[in-house]
Amino acid sequence: MTLSGADAEQLACQYLQARGLVHVASNVRYPFGELDLVMRDNDYWVFVEVKYRTHQGFGGAMAAVSPQKIQRLRRAASHYLQLHQIDAPCRCDVLAIDNQEFQWLKDAF
């Protein structure tokens, strides 16, 4: 089964909500980066990068998170916190979906 990027993000959101996280926002875009999902995990603000692959070629979904992507995500998360005047602990997670298998890496970077 092949999913669109939006479908994969929705599936990721449902997966994380089933594990206790609360959805705040999706697809927050800035000129310098995008936040796929913004969620809350108790006191933590969680910025989630969702990666989806239909097969394990080239290392699968988790391997698709490049250093440049990490830098853009960090910058976007920092901007989000400043823009919304949030002074709370935060982390950046990666949720990789290879076919229908989920791999959730908390505090990935």
C-alpha atoms as a PDB file:
ATOM      1  CA  MET A   1       0.000   0.000   0.000  1.00  0.00           C
ATOM      2  CA  THR A   2       1.405   3.378  -1.025  1.00  0.00           C
ATOM      3  CA  LEU A   3       0.522   6.453   1.017  1.00  0.00           C
ATOM      4  CA  SER A   4       0.780  10.123   0.157  1.00  0.00           C
ATOM      5  CA  GLY A   5       2.880  12.323   2.428  1.00  0.00           C
ATOM      6  CA  ALA A   6      -0.282  13.746   4.009  1.00  0.00           C
ATOM      7  CA  ASP A   7      -1.677  10.248   4.593  1.00  0.00           C
ATOM      8  CA  ALA A   8       1.593   9.144   6.220  1.00  0.00           C
ATOM      9  CA  GLU A   9       1.547  12.195   8.507  1.00  0.00           C
ATOM     10  CA  GLN A  10      -2.056  11.499   9.495  1.00  0.00           C
ATOM     11  CA  LEU A  11      -1.178   7.856  10.227  1.00  0.00           C
ATOM     12  CA  ALA A  12       1.829   9.016  12.276  1.00  0.00           C
ATOM     13  CA  CYS A  13      -0.365  11.423  14.234  1.00  0.00           C
ATOM     14  CA  GLN A  14      -2.841   8.661  15.041  1.00  0.00           C
ATOM     15  CA  TYR A  15       0.012   6.366  16.093  1.00  0.00           C
ATOM     16  CA  LEU A  16       1.422   8.984  18.480  1.00  0.00           C
ATOM     17  CA  GLN A  17      -1.999   9.936  19.866  1.00  0.00           C
ATOM     18  CA  ALA A  18      -2.605   6.266  20.686  1.00  0.00           C
ATOM     19  CA  ARG A  19       0.589   6.457  22.759  1.00  0.00           C
ATOM     20  CA  GLY A  20      -0.576   9.472  24.755  1.00  0.00           C
ATOM     21  CA  LEU A  21       0.674  12.475  22.798  1.00  0.00           C
ATOM     22  CA  VAL A  22      -1.690  15.362  22.070  1.00  0.00           C
ATOM     23  CA  HIS A  23      -1.839  16.852  18.570  1.00  0.00           C
ATOM     24  CA  VAL A  24      -1.284  20.627  18.410  1.00  0.00           C
ATOM     25  CA  ALA A  25      -0.550  21.401  14.739  1.00  0.00           C
ATOM     26  CA  SER A  26       0.368  19.846  11.400  1.00  0.00           C
ATOM     27  CA  ASN A  27       2.399  21.067   8.443  1.00  0.00           C
ATOM     28  CA  VAL A  28       3.645  24.291  10.008  1.00  0.00           C
ATOM     29  CA  ARG A  29       5.616  25.974   7.230  1.00  0.00           C
ATOM     30  CA  TYR A  30       8.227  28.700   7.340  1.00  0.00           C
ATOM     31  CA  PRO A  31      10.452  29.854   4.459  1.00  0.00           C
ATOM     32  CA  PHE A  32      13.384  27.991   6.024  1.00  0.00           C
ATOM     33  CA  GLY A  33      11.731  24.757   7.140  1.00  0.00           C
ATOM     34  CA  GLU A  34       8.596  22.771   7.924  1.00  0.00           C
ATOM     35  CA  LEU A  35       7.310  21.002  11.015  1.00  0.00           C
ATOM     36  CA  ASP A  36       5.358  17.882  10.054  1.00  0.00           C
ATOM     37  CA  LEU A  37       3.695  17.500  13.465  1.00  0.00           C
ATOM     38  CA  VAL A  38       3.692  19.586  16.624  1.00  0.00           C
ATOM     39  CA  MET A  39       2.529  17.591  19.634  1.00  0.00           C
ATOM     40  CA  ARG A  40       2.553  17.653  23.406  1.00  0.00           C
ATOM     41  CA  ASP A  41       3.866  14.847  25.596  1.00  0.00           C
ATOM     42  CA  ASN A  42       2.929  15.963  29.104  1.00  0.00           C
ATOM     43  CA  ASP A  43       5.115  19.042  29.730  1.00  0.00           C
ATOM     44  CA  TYR A  44       7.176  18.550  26.556  1.00  0.00           C
ATOM     45  CA  TRP A  45       6.555  20.182  23.211  1.00  0.00           C
ATOM     46  CA  VAL A  46       7.424  17.587  20.583  1.00  0.00           C
ATOM     47  CA  PHE A  47       8.353  18.411  16.988  1.00  0.00           C
ATOM     48  CA  VAL A  48       7.977  15.288  14.868  1.00  0.00           C
ATOM     49  CA  GLU A  49       9.620  14.627  11.529  1.00  0.00           C
ATOM     50  CA  VAL A  50       7.644  11.967   9.657  1.00  0.00           C
ATOM     51  CA  LYS A  51       9.410   9.850   7.062  1.00  0.00           C
ATOM     52  CA  TYR A  52       7.621   7.266   4.928  1.00  0.00           C
ATOM     53  CA  ARG A  53       9.055   4.721   2.537  1.00  0.00           C
ATOM     54  CA  THR A  54       7.381   1.836   0.740  1.00  0.00           C
ATOM     55  CA  HIS A  55      10.553  -0.293   0.814  1.00  0.00           C
ATOM     56  CA  GLN A  56      13.841  -0.538   2.687  1.00  0.00           C
ATOM     57  CA  GLY A  57      15.984   0.514  -0.271  1.00  0.00           C
ATOM     58  CA  PHE A  58      18.695   3.097   0.471  1.00  0.00           C
ATOM     59  CA  GLY A  59      18.373   2.446   4.216  1.00  0.00           C
ATOM     60  CA  GLY A  60      14.639   2.951   4.612  1.00  0.00           C
ATOM     61  CA  ALA A  61      12.744   5.857   6.098  1.00  0.00           C
ATOM     62  CA  MET A  62      14.988   6.498   9.111  1.00  0.00           C
ATOM     63  CA  ALA A  63      18.020   6.941   6.862  1.00  0.00           C
ATOM     64  CA  ALA A  64      16.196   9.690   4.949  1.00  0.00           C
ATOM     65  CA  VAL A  65      16.739  12.231   7.747  1.00  0.00           C
ATOM     66  CA  SER A  66      19.705  14.209   6.467  1.00  0.00           C
ATOM     67  CA  PRO A  67      21.889  16.671   8.415  1.00  0.00           C
ATOM     68  CA  GLN A  68      20.350  19.479   6.344  1.00  0.00           C
ATOM     69  CA  LYS A  69      16.846  18.304   7.298  1.00  0.00           C
ATOM     70  CA  ILE A  70      17.838  18.222  10.960  1.00  0.00           C
ATOM     71  CA  GLN A  71      19.164  21.789  10.731  1.00  0.00           C
ATOM     72  CA  ARG A  72      15.942  23.034   9.064  1.00  0.00           C
ATOM     73  CA  LEU A  73      13.783  21.232  11.627  1.00  0.00           C
ATOM     74  CA  ARG A  74      15.734  22.699  14.552  1.00  0.00           C
ATOM     75  CA  ARG A  75      15.440  26.190  13.101  1.00  0.00           C
ATOM     76  CA  ALA A  76      11.691  25.796  12.469  1.00  0.00           C
ATOM     77  CA  ALA A  77      11.123  24.402  15.988  1.00  0.00           C
ATOM     78  CA  SER A  78      13.052  27.282  17.544  1.00  0.00           C
ATOM     79  CA  HIS A  79      11.047  29.777  15.514  1.00  0.00           C
ATOM     80  CA  TYR A  80       7.764  28.110  16.518  1.00  0.00           C
ATOM     81  CA  LEU A  81       8.695  28.330  20.210  1.00  0.00           C
ATOM     82  CA  GLN A  82       9.654  32.003  19.890  1.00  0.00           C
ATOM     83  CA  LEU A  83       6.616  32.927  17.813  1.00  0.00           C
ATOM     84  CA  HIS A  84       4.225  31.322  20.303  1.00  0.00           C
ATOM     85  CA  GLN A  85       6.207  32.546  23.336  1.00  0.00           C
ATOM     86  CA  ILE A  86       6.644  29.009  24.655  1.00  0.00           C
ATOM     87  CA  ASP A  87       9.142  28.523  27.454  1.00  0.00           C
ATOM     88  CA  ALA A  88       8.947  24.797  28.104  1.00  0.00           C
ATOM     89  CA  PRO A  89      11.045  21.695  27.518  1.00  0.00           C
ATOM     90  CA  CYS A  90      10.970  20.392  23.983  1.00  0.00           C
ATOM     91  CA  ARG A  91      12.394  17.631  21.855  1.00  0.00           C
ATOM     92  CA  CYS A  92      12.596  16.582  18.223  1.00  0.00           C
ATOM     93  CA  ASP A  93      11.395  13.067  17.386  1.00  0.00           C
ATOM     94  CA  VAL A  94      11.462  11.077  14.169  1.00  0.00           C
ATOM     95  CA  LEU A  95       8.663   8.697  13.250  1.00  0.00           C
ATOM     96  CA  ALA A  96       9.733   6.479  10.383  1.00  0.00           C
ATOM     97  CA  ILE A  97       7.186   4.358   8.562  1.00  0.00           C
ATOM     98  CA  ASP A  98       8.509   1.584   6.329  1.00  0.00           C
ATOM     99  CA  ASN A  99       5.456   0.020   4.692  1.00  0.00           C
ATOM    100  CA  GLN A 100       3.245  -0.424   7.769  1.00  0.00           C
ATOM    101  CA  GLU A 101       6.078  -0.794  10.314  1.00  0.00           C
ATOM    102  CA  PHE A 102       6.602   2.136  12.682  1.00  0.00           C
ATOM    103  CA  GLN A 103       9.880   3.175  14.263  1.00  0.00           C
ATOM    104  CA  TRP A 104       9.623   6.032  16.766  1.00  0.00           C
ATOM    105  CA  LEU A 105      12.895   7.641  17.789  1.00  0.00           C
ATOM    106  CA  LYS A 106      12.324   9.999  20.718  1.00  0.00           C
ATOM    107  CA  ASP A 107      14.688  12.939  21.199  1.00  0.00           C
ATOM    108  CA  ALA A 108      16.402  12.061  17.943  1.00  0.00           C
ATOM    109  CA  PHE A 109      18.518  15.236  17.809  1.00  0.00           C
END
